């Protein structure tokens, strides 16, 4: 049985684990966690990505290489969808309200079928 680890380190891409015991034994494990960056905190909170000055809400799901780290914050998608809805559909709704107020409404035909007007002329 291996002794208690004195130090543990993750590989830079979180695909491996290295442990060193107090007696000098070194153990290595492969870690298979295909989407370690997806959690509720990562989806709805600010995340400090490598190369960024501070934590931010960022959506960037694809990159040009396998070394790419996806940025999966949902807030940019949610607010972007709401913004587009207001920009595109609110003016259309306001225009519909304004134009409906200025339409002329024609009166429905008389229920008597116009007989009163012809009787009065005779």
N, C-alpha and C. Protein backbone atom coordinates (compact mmCIF):
# COMPACT_ATOMS: atom_id res chain seq x y z
N UNK A 1 0.85 -1.18 0.00
CA UNK A 1 0.00 0.00 0.00
C UNK A 1 0.89 1.23 0.00
N UNK A 2 0.58 2.22 -0.90
CA UNK A 2 1.41 3.42 -0.96
C UNK A 2 1.26 4.24 0.31
N UNK A 3 2.31 4.96 0.60
CA UNK A 3 2.26 5.83 1.78
C UNK A 3 1.47 7.10 1.49
N UNK A 4 1.21 7.87 2.51
CA UNK A 4 0.44 9.11 2.38
C UNK A 4 1.21 10.11 1.53
N UNK A 5 0.55 10.74 0.55
CA UNK A 5 1.25 11.70 -0.29
C UNK A 5 1.66 12.95 0.48
N UNK A 6 2.86 13.43 0.21
CA UNK A 6 3.35 14.66 0.83
C UNK A 6 3.06 15.85 -0.08
N UNK A 7 2.97 15.61 -1.38
CA UNK A 7 2.68 16.68 -2.34
C UNK A 7 1.88 16.10 -3.50
N UNK A 8 0.94 16.88 -4.00
CA UNK A 8 0.11 16.47 -5.13
C UNK A 8 0.08 17.62 -6.12
N UNK A 9 0.17 17.29 -7.42
CA UNK A 9 0.11 18.32 -8.45
C UNK A 9 -0.73 17.81 -9.62
N UNK A 10 -1.53 18.72 -10.18
CA UNK A 10 -2.29 18.43 -11.39
C UNK A 10 -1.47 18.82 -12.60
N UNK A 11 -1.65 18.10 -13.68
CA UNK A 11 -1.03 18.47 -14.95
C UNK A 11 -1.67 19.77 -15.44
N UNK A 12 -0.97 20.56 -16.27
CA UNK A 12 -1.51 21.84 -16.71
C UNK A 12 -2.88 21.75 -17.39
N UNK A 13 -3.17 20.69 -18.07
CA UNK A 13 -4.47 20.54 -18.74
C UNK A 13 -5.45 19.71 -17.91
N UNK A 14 -5.13 19.46 -16.66
CA UNK A 14 -5.97 18.67 -15.75
C UNK A 14 -6.24 17.28 -16.28
N UNK A 15 -5.29 16.73 -17.03
CA UNK A 15 -5.47 15.37 -17.54
C UNK A 15 -4.57 14.36 -16.84
N UNK A 16 -3.90 14.80 -15.79
CA UNK A 16 -3.03 13.90 -15.03
C UNK A 16 -2.84 14.40 -13.62
N UNK A 17 -2.41 13.49 -12.77
CA UNK A 17 -2.17 13.80 -11.36
C UNK A 17 -0.85 13.16 -10.97
N UNK A 18 -0.03 13.90 -10.26
CA UNK A 18 1.27 13.42 -9.81
C UNK A 18 1.34 13.58 -8.30
N UNK A 19 1.73 12.53 -7.61
CA UNK A 19 1.82 12.58 -6.16
C UNK A 19 3.19 12.07 -5.72
N UNK A 20 3.74 12.74 -4.73
CA UNK A 20 5.03 12.32 -4.17
C UNK A 20 4.82 12.04 -2.69
N UNK A 21 5.30 10.89 -2.23
CA UNK A 21 5.15 10.54 -0.82
C UNK A 21 6.37 11.03 -0.04
N UNK A 22 6.27 10.95 1.27
CA UNK A 22 7.36 11.41 2.13
C UNK A 22 8.60 10.52 1.98
N UNK A 23 8.44 9.25 1.61
CA UNK A 23 9.58 8.36 1.45
C UNK A 23 10.18 8.39 0.04
N UNK A 24 9.70 9.33 -0.84
CA UNK A 24 10.30 9.51 -2.16
C UNK A 24 9.60 8.78 -3.28
N UNK A 25 8.56 8.06 -2.99
CA UNK A 25 7.84 7.35 -4.03
C UNK A 25 6.99 8.34 -4.84
N UNK A 26 7.02 8.20 -6.16
CA UNK A 26 6.25 9.09 -7.04
C UNK A 26 5.20 8.26 -7.76
N UNK A 27 3.98 8.74 -7.70
CA UNK A 27 2.86 8.05 -8.34
C UNK A 27 2.24 8.98 -9.38
N UNK A 28 1.81 8.39 -10.48
CA UNK A 28 1.20 9.16 -11.57
C UNK A 28 -0.12 8.50 -11.95
N UNK A 29 -1.16 9.34 -12.14
CA UNK A 29 -2.47 8.86 -12.57
C UNK A 29 -2.92 9.67 -13.78
N UNK A 30 -3.57 8.99 -14.70
CA UNK A 30 -4.23 9.69 -15.81
C UNK A 30 -5.64 10.05 -15.36
N UNK A 31 -6.04 11.26 -15.65
CA UNK A 31 -7.36 11.74 -15.27
C UNK A 31 -8.15 11.99 -16.55
N UNK A 32 -9.35 11.40 -16.63
CA UNK A 32 -10.22 11.62 -17.78
C UNK A 32 -11.48 12.33 -17.30
N UNK A 33 -11.48 13.61 -17.49
CA UNK A 33 -12.64 14.44 -17.15
C UNK A 33 -12.83 15.39 -18.34
N UNK A 34 -13.67 15.00 -19.32
CA UNK A 34 -13.72 15.73 -20.58
C UNK A 34 -14.19 17.19 -20.46
N UNK A 35 -15.02 17.51 -19.49
CA UNK A 35 -15.51 18.88 -19.35
C UNK A 35 -15.37 19.38 -17.91
N UNK A 36 -14.16 19.55 -17.43
CA UNK A 36 -14.00 19.97 -16.03
C UNK A 36 -14.40 21.42 -15.80
N UNK A 37 -14.49 22.20 -16.87
CA UNK A 37 -14.78 23.63 -16.70
C UNK A 37 -16.26 23.93 -16.62
N UNK A 38 -17.14 22.94 -16.77
CA UNK A 38 -18.58 23.18 -16.73
C UNK A 38 -19.11 22.90 -15.34
N UNK A 39 -19.61 23.94 -14.73
CA UNK A 39 -20.28 23.84 -13.43
C UNK A 39 -21.26 25.02 -13.35
N UNK A 40 -22.15 25.00 -12.39
CA UNK A 40 -23.08 26.12 -12.25
C UNK A 40 -22.34 27.42 -11.99
N UNK A 41 -21.28 27.33 -11.22
CA UNK A 41 -20.48 28.53 -10.93
C UNK A 41 -19.83 29.07 -12.20
N UNK A 42 -19.31 28.17 -13.04
CA UNK A 42 -18.68 28.61 -14.28
C UNK A 42 -19.71 29.12 -15.28
N UNK A 43 -20.91 28.55 -15.29
CA UNK A 43 -21.93 28.97 -16.25
C UNK A 43 -22.57 30.30 -15.88
N UNK A 44 -22.73 30.58 -14.59
CA UNK A 44 -23.44 31.79 -14.17
C UNK A 44 -22.59 32.78 -13.38
N UNK A 45 -21.33 32.48 -13.14
CA UNK A 45 -20.47 33.39 -12.39
C UNK A 45 -19.30 33.88 -13.23
N UNK A 46 -18.58 34.85 -12.70
CA UNK A 46 -17.39 35.34 -13.38
C UNK A 46 -16.27 34.33 -13.18
N UNK A 47 -15.48 34.11 -14.23
CA UNK A 47 -14.36 33.17 -14.17
C UNK A 47 -13.12 33.92 -14.63
N UNK A 48 -12.02 33.68 -13.93
CA UNK A 48 -10.76 34.31 -14.28
C UNK A 48 -9.98 33.37 -15.20
N UNK A 49 -10.02 33.68 -16.49
CA UNK A 49 -9.35 32.84 -17.48
C UNK A 49 -7.90 33.28 -17.66
N UNK A 50 -7.09 32.33 -18.06
CA UNK A 50 -5.68 32.60 -18.30
C UNK A 50 -5.54 33.66 -19.39
N UNK A 51 -4.72 34.67 -19.11
CA UNK A 51 -4.50 35.75 -20.06
C UNK A 51 -5.45 36.92 -19.88
N UNK A 52 -6.43 36.81 -19.01
CA UNK A 52 -7.36 37.90 -18.74
C UNK A 52 -6.89 38.67 -17.51
N UNK A 53 -7.17 39.97 -17.47
CA UNK A 53 -6.73 40.80 -16.35
C UNK A 53 -7.55 40.56 -15.09
N UNK A 54 -8.82 40.18 -15.25
CA UNK A 54 -9.70 39.98 -14.09
C UNK A 54 -10.81 39.00 -14.47
N UNK A 55 -11.57 38.52 -13.50
CA UNK A 55 -12.69 37.62 -13.81
C UNK A 55 -13.71 38.32 -14.71
N UNK A 56 -14.33 37.54 -15.59
CA UNK A 56 -15.28 38.12 -16.53
C UNK A 56 -16.32 37.09 -16.94
N UNK A 57 -17.46 37.61 -17.45
CA UNK A 57 -18.47 36.76 -18.07
C UNK A 57 -18.09 36.66 -19.55
N UNK A 58 -17.71 35.47 -20.01
CA UNK A 58 -17.25 35.30 -21.39
C UNK A 58 -17.88 34.06 -21.98
N UNK A 59 -18.36 34.18 -23.24
CA UNK A 59 -18.83 33.02 -24.00
C UNK A 59 -17.97 32.89 -25.23
N UNK A 60 -17.23 31.80 -25.33
CA UNK A 60 -16.43 31.48 -26.50
C UNK A 60 -16.29 29.96 -26.50
N UNK A 61 -17.15 29.30 -27.27
CA UNK A 61 -17.24 27.85 -27.16
C UNK A 61 -16.25 27.09 -28.01
N UNK A 62 -15.65 27.72 -29.01
CA UNK A 62 -14.73 27.00 -29.88
C UNK A 62 -13.44 27.77 -30.05
N UNK A 63 -12.43 27.05 -30.43
CA UNK A 63 -11.13 27.67 -30.67
C UNK A 63 -10.43 27.01 -31.83
N UNK A 64 -9.23 27.49 -32.11
CA UNK A 64 -8.51 26.99 -33.27
C UNK A 64 -7.63 25.79 -33.01
N UNK A 65 -7.49 25.37 -31.75
CA UNK A 65 -6.61 24.23 -31.46
C UNK A 65 -7.16 23.43 -30.29
N UNK A 66 -6.53 22.29 -30.04
CA UNK A 66 -6.93 21.46 -28.92
C UNK A 66 -6.53 22.07 -27.58
N UNK A 67 -5.60 23.02 -27.61
CA UNK A 67 -5.15 23.68 -26.38
C UNK A 67 -6.13 24.75 -25.92
N UNK A 68 -7.18 24.95 -26.67
CA UNK A 68 -8.16 25.99 -26.38
C UNK A 68 -8.96 25.66 -25.13
N UNK A 69 -9.18 26.65 -24.30
CA UNK A 69 -10.01 26.49 -23.11
C UNK A 69 -11.37 27.14 -23.38
N UNK A 70 -12.45 26.35 -23.46
CA UNK A 70 -13.75 26.96 -23.73
C UNK A 70 -14.21 27.86 -22.58
N UNK A 71 -14.85 28.93 -22.94
CA UNK A 71 -15.38 29.88 -21.96
C UNK A 71 -16.89 29.85 -22.11
N UNK A 72 -17.57 29.32 -21.12
CA UNK A 72 -18.97 28.95 -21.28
C UNK A 72 -19.94 29.70 -20.37
N UNK A 73 -19.70 30.95 -20.08
CA UNK A 73 -20.63 31.71 -19.26
C UNK A 73 -21.92 31.94 -20.03
N UNK A 74 -23.06 31.70 -19.41
CA UNK A 74 -24.34 31.86 -20.09
C UNK A 74 -24.88 33.28 -20.06
N UNK A 75 -24.36 34.15 -19.19
CA UNK A 75 -24.88 35.51 -19.09
C UNK A 75 -24.78 36.29 -20.39
N UNK A 76 -23.68 36.20 -21.14
CA UNK A 76 -23.67 36.91 -22.43
C UNK A 76 -24.76 36.43 -23.38
N UNK A 77 -25.07 35.14 -23.37
CA UNK A 77 -26.13 34.63 -24.24
C UNK A 77 -27.51 35.09 -23.78
N UNK A 78 -27.74 35.06 -22.47
CA UNK A 78 -29.04 35.47 -21.92
C UNK A 78 -29.30 36.94 -22.19
N UNK A 79 -28.33 37.80 -21.81
CA UNK A 79 -28.52 39.24 -22.01
C UNK A 79 -28.52 39.61 -23.49
N UNK A 80 -27.73 38.92 -24.30
CA UNK A 80 -27.74 39.17 -25.74
C UNK A 80 -29.09 38.84 -26.35
N UNK A 81 -29.69 37.74 -25.93
CA UNK A 81 -31.01 37.36 -26.45
C UNK A 81 -32.07 38.37 -26.05
N UNK A 82 -32.02 38.82 -24.80
CA UNK A 82 -32.99 39.82 -24.33
C UNK A 82 -32.78 41.13 -25.09
N UNK A 83 -31.54 41.53 -25.29
CA UNK A 83 -31.24 42.77 -26.00
C UNK A 83 -31.75 42.71 -27.43
N UNK A 84 -31.50 41.61 -28.11
CA UNK A 84 -31.96 41.47 -29.49
C UNK A 84 -33.49 41.50 -29.53
N UNK A 85 -34.13 40.86 -28.56
CA UNK A 85 -35.59 40.88 -28.53
C UNK A 85 -36.11 42.30 -28.40
N UNK A 86 -35.49 43.10 -27.54
CA UNK A 86 -35.94 44.48 -27.38
C UNK A 86 -35.61 45.33 -28.60
N UNK A 87 -34.45 45.14 -29.16
CA UNK A 87 -34.05 45.94 -30.32
C UNK A 87 -34.91 45.62 -31.53
N UNK A 88 -35.23 44.35 -31.73
CA UNK A 88 -35.97 43.97 -32.92
C UNK A 88 -37.48 44.03 -32.74
N UNK A 89 -37.99 43.58 -31.61
CA UNK A 89 -39.43 43.41 -31.47
C UNK A 89 -40.13 44.55 -30.74
N UNK A 90 -39.45 45.25 -29.87
CA UNK A 90 -40.09 46.38 -29.19
C UNK A 90 -40.45 47.48 -30.18
N UNK A 91 -39.56 47.89 -31.09
CA UNK A 91 -39.97 48.91 -32.06
C UNK A 91 -41.13 48.44 -32.95
N UNK A 92 -41.14 47.17 -33.31
CA UNK A 92 -42.23 46.65 -34.12
C UNK A 92 -43.55 46.72 -33.35
N UNK A 93 -43.53 46.40 -32.07
CA UNK A 93 -44.74 46.48 -31.25
C UNK A 93 -45.21 47.91 -31.07
N UNK A 94 -44.26 48.82 -30.84
CA UNK A 94 -44.62 50.24 -30.69
C UNK A 94 -45.20 50.76 -32.00
N UNK A 95 -44.60 50.40 -33.13
CA UNK A 95 -45.12 50.82 -34.43
C UNK A 95 -46.53 50.28 -34.65
N UNK A 96 -46.76 49.05 -34.27
CA UNK A 96 -48.09 48.48 -34.41
C UNK A 96 -49.12 49.22 -33.57
N UNK A 97 -48.75 49.62 -32.36
CA UNK A 97 -49.67 50.37 -31.50
C UNK A 97 -49.96 51.73 -32.11
N UNK A 98 -48.92 52.41 -32.57
CA UNK A 98 -49.11 53.75 -33.14
C UNK A 98 -49.94 53.71 -34.41
N UNK A 99 -49.68 52.78 -35.28
CA UNK A 99 -50.43 52.74 -36.54
C UNK A 99 -51.86 52.27 -36.34
N UNK A 100 -52.12 51.46 -35.35
CA UNK A 100 -53.50 50.99 -35.13
C UNK A 100 -54.37 52.11 -34.58
N UNK A 101 -53.80 53.09 -33.95
CA UNK A 101 -54.59 54.21 -33.41
C UNK A 101 -55.03 55.17 -34.51
N UNK A 102 -54.32 55.19 -35.62
CA UNK A 102 -54.63 56.14 -36.67
C UNK A 102 -55.39 55.53 -37.84
N UNK A 103 -55.73 54.27 -37.75
CA UNK A 103 -56.50 53.63 -38.82
C UNK A 103 -57.94 54.14 -38.77
N UNK A 104 -58.53 54.33 -39.94
CA UNK A 104 -59.94 54.73 -39.97
C UNK A 104 -60.78 53.47 -39.85
N UNK A 105 -61.79 53.57 -39.06
CA UNK A 105 -62.67 52.43 -38.85
C UNK A 105 -63.94 52.68 -39.65
N UNK A 106 -64.27 51.78 -40.56
CA UNK A 106 -65.49 51.94 -41.35
C UNK A 106 -66.67 51.38 -40.56
N UNK A 107 -67.82 52.01 -40.74
CA UNK A 107 -69.01 51.56 -40.05
C UNK A 107 -69.54 50.30 -40.71
N UNK A 108 -70.11 49.41 -39.94
CA UNK A 108 -70.71 48.22 -40.55
C UNK A 108 -71.99 48.61 -41.28
N UNK A 109 -72.40 47.85 -42.28
CA UNK A 109 -73.64 48.19 -43.01
C UNK A 109 -74.85 48.10 -42.09
N UNK A 110 -75.89 48.85 -42.46
CA UNK A 110 -77.13 48.82 -41.67
C UNK A 110 -77.71 47.42 -41.68
N UNK A 111 -78.38 47.08 -40.61
CA UNK A 111 -79.00 45.76 -40.54
C UNK A 111 -80.28 45.69 -41.36
N UNK A 112 -80.85 46.87 -41.71
CA UNK A 112 -82.08 46.86 -42.49
C UNK A 112 -81.81 46.67 -43.98
N UNK A 113 -80.57 46.70 -44.34
CA UNK A 113 -80.22 46.45 -45.74
C UNK A 113 -80.44 47.67 -46.61
N UNK A 114 -80.61 48.86 -46.04
CA UNK A 114 -80.77 50.09 -46.83
C UNK A 114 -82.19 50.33 -47.29
N UNK A 115 -83.19 49.65 -46.77
CA UNK A 115 -84.58 49.83 -47.20
C UNK A 115 -85.16 51.16 -46.75
N UNK A 116 -84.68 51.66 -45.58
CA UNK A 116 -85.21 52.91 -45.06
C UNK A 116 -84.88 54.06 -46.00
N UNK A 117 -83.71 54.05 -46.56
CA UNK A 117 -83.31 55.14 -47.47
C UNK A 117 -84.14 55.08 -48.74
N UNK A 118 -84.45 53.91 -49.28
CA UNK A 118 -85.24 53.80 -50.51
C UNK A 118 -86.71 54.11 -50.26
N UNK A 119 -87.24 53.81 -49.05
CA UNK A 119 -88.63 54.13 -48.70
C UNK A 119 -88.83 55.64 -48.57
N UNK A 120 -87.82 56.32 -48.04
CA UNK A 120 -87.91 57.76 -47.84
C UNK A 120 -87.86 58.47 -49.17
N UNK A 121 -87.17 57.95 -50.15
CA UNK A 121 -87.08 58.59 -51.46
C UNK A 121 -88.36 58.41 -52.25
N UNK A 122 -89.16 57.38 -51.99
CA UNK A 122 -90.37 57.13 -52.77
C UNK A 122 -91.53 57.92 -52.35
